[in-house]
Amino acid sequence: MKLLKRLWNWIVGLFIDEFEVTIYFPGEIEELEDGTKKEKYNPKNYTCRRVKIVSETEFRLYKTDGQLVRIKTVYPVGFDITKTR
C-alpha cells in the first residue's frame, strides 16, 4: 500500500503544479519618535494546487488537500507566489 501511494503521488506530481503563496495582511501601526507611522505586516503562508486572483482584494486558493480558501480584504494586500513543483 505504501509503495502504491508513493507511486500515485509521483504520477500526480508530474501533472499537477504546486504553489507557495504568501499574503501580507496589515498588522499593527507603530508610531516612531519623530512622529511618523510605520505599519507592520503579518504574513500567512499557503501551499496550493491552484491560485485564482479575482481582484486586488479577493483571492481563491485551492489547497493541496482539496480545501477552498477564500480571502477577501477591505484594502489591497501584498502577495508572493512561488511555484514549488
Protein backbone atom coordinates (compact mmCIF):
# COMPACT_ATOMS: atom_id res chain seq x y z
CA MET A 1 0.00 0.00 0.00
CA LYS A 2 2.80 2.44 0.83
CA LEU A 3 4.54 1.80 -2.45
CA LEU A 4 1.28 2.25 -4.37
CA LYS A 5 0.60 5.56 -2.61
CA ARG A 6 4.14 6.81 -3.32
CA LEU A 7 3.77 5.84 -6.98
CA TRP A 8 0.43 7.66 -7.20
CA ASN A 9 1.87 10.82 -5.59
CA TRP A 10 4.79 10.74 -8.03
CA ILE A 11 2.45 10.46 -11.04
CA VAL A 12 0.24 13.27 -9.73
CA GLY A 13 3.34 15.40 -9.14
CA LEU A 14 4.24 15.16 -12.82
CA PHE A 15 0.99 16.70 -13.99
CA ILE A 16 -0.18 18.99 -11.19
CA ASP A 17 1.66 22.16 -10.16
CA GLU A 18 2.10 23.28 -6.57
CA PHE A 19 2.49 26.86 -5.36
CA GLU A 20 3.62 28.53 -2.16
CA VAL A 21 1.51 31.67 -1.61
CA THR A 22 2.38 34.31 0.99
CA ILE A 23 -0.18 37.02 1.70
CA TYR A 24 0.89 40.03 3.77
CA PHE A 25 -2.00 41.17 5.95
CA PRO A 26 -1.77 44.57 7.66
CA GLY A 27 -0.78 44.35 11.31
CA GLU A 28 -0.23 46.94 13.99
CA ILE A 29 0.81 50.52 13.30
CA GLU A 30 3.85 51.69 15.22
CA GLU A 31 4.45 55.38 15.85
CA LEU A 32 8.11 56.37 15.83
CA GLU A 33 9.74 59.06 17.97
CA ASP A 34 9.82 61.59 15.12
CA GLY A 35 6.03 61.33 14.68
CA THR A 36 5.98 59.12 11.58
CA LYS A 37 3.97 55.93 11.49
CA LYS A 38 5.24 52.55 10.35
CA GLU A 39 2.89 49.69 9.52
CA LYS A 40 3.88 46.11 10.31
CA TYR A 41 2.60 43.13 8.34
CA ASN A 42 1.53 39.64 9.39
CA PRO A 43 2.36 37.19 6.58
CA LYS A 44 0.38 33.96 6.14
CA ASN A 45 1.64 31.06 4.02
CA TYR A 46 -0.47 28.63 2.00
CA THR A 47 0.51 25.61 -0.09
CA CYS A 48 -1.87 25.41 -3.05
CA ARG A 49 -2.53 23.49 -6.23
CA ARG A 50 -4.39 26.35 -7.90
CA VAL A 51 -4.46 30.11 -7.30
CA LYS A 52 -7.08 32.48 -8.67
CA ILE A 53 -6.69 36.21 -8.15
CA VAL A 54 -10.17 37.69 -8.59
CA SER A 55 -9.14 41.27 -7.75
CA GLU A 56 -6.58 43.10 -5.62
CA THR A 57 -8.72 42.39 -2.56
CA GLU A 58 -10.01 38.86 -3.29
CA PHE A 59 -8.12 35.58 -3.68
CA ARG A 60 -9.26 31.98 -4.13
CA LEU A 61 -6.72 29.35 -3.14
CA TYR A 62 -7.25 25.63 -3.74
CA LYS A 63 -5.07 23.86 -1.18
CA THR A 64 -3.32 20.54 -1.74
CA ASP A 65 -5.91 18.68 0.36
CA GLY A 66 -8.76 19.99 -1.83
CA GLN A 67 -9.96 22.74 0.50
CA LEU A 68 -11.03 26.08 -0.96
CA VAL A 69 -9.76 29.15 0.90
CA ARG A 70 -11.40 32.47 0.00
CA ILE A 71 -9.67 35.59 1.21
CA LYS A 72 -11.44 38.94 0.99
CA THR A 73 -9.94 42.13 2.38
CA VAL A 74 -11.09 45.74 2.51
CA TYR A 75 -7.80 47.19 1.28
CA PRO A 76 -5.39 45.71 -1.30
CA VAL A 77 -2.73 43.45 0.22
CA GLY A 78 0.69 42.36 -0.96
CA PHE A 79 1.34 38.77 -2.01
CA ASP A 80 4.09 36.50 -3.32
CA ILE A 81 3.51 33.38 -5.41
CA THR A 82 6.30 30.84 -5.86
CA LYS A 83 6.00 27.64 -7.90
CA THR A 84 7.45 24.79 -5.83
CA ARG A 85 6.69 21.82 -8.05
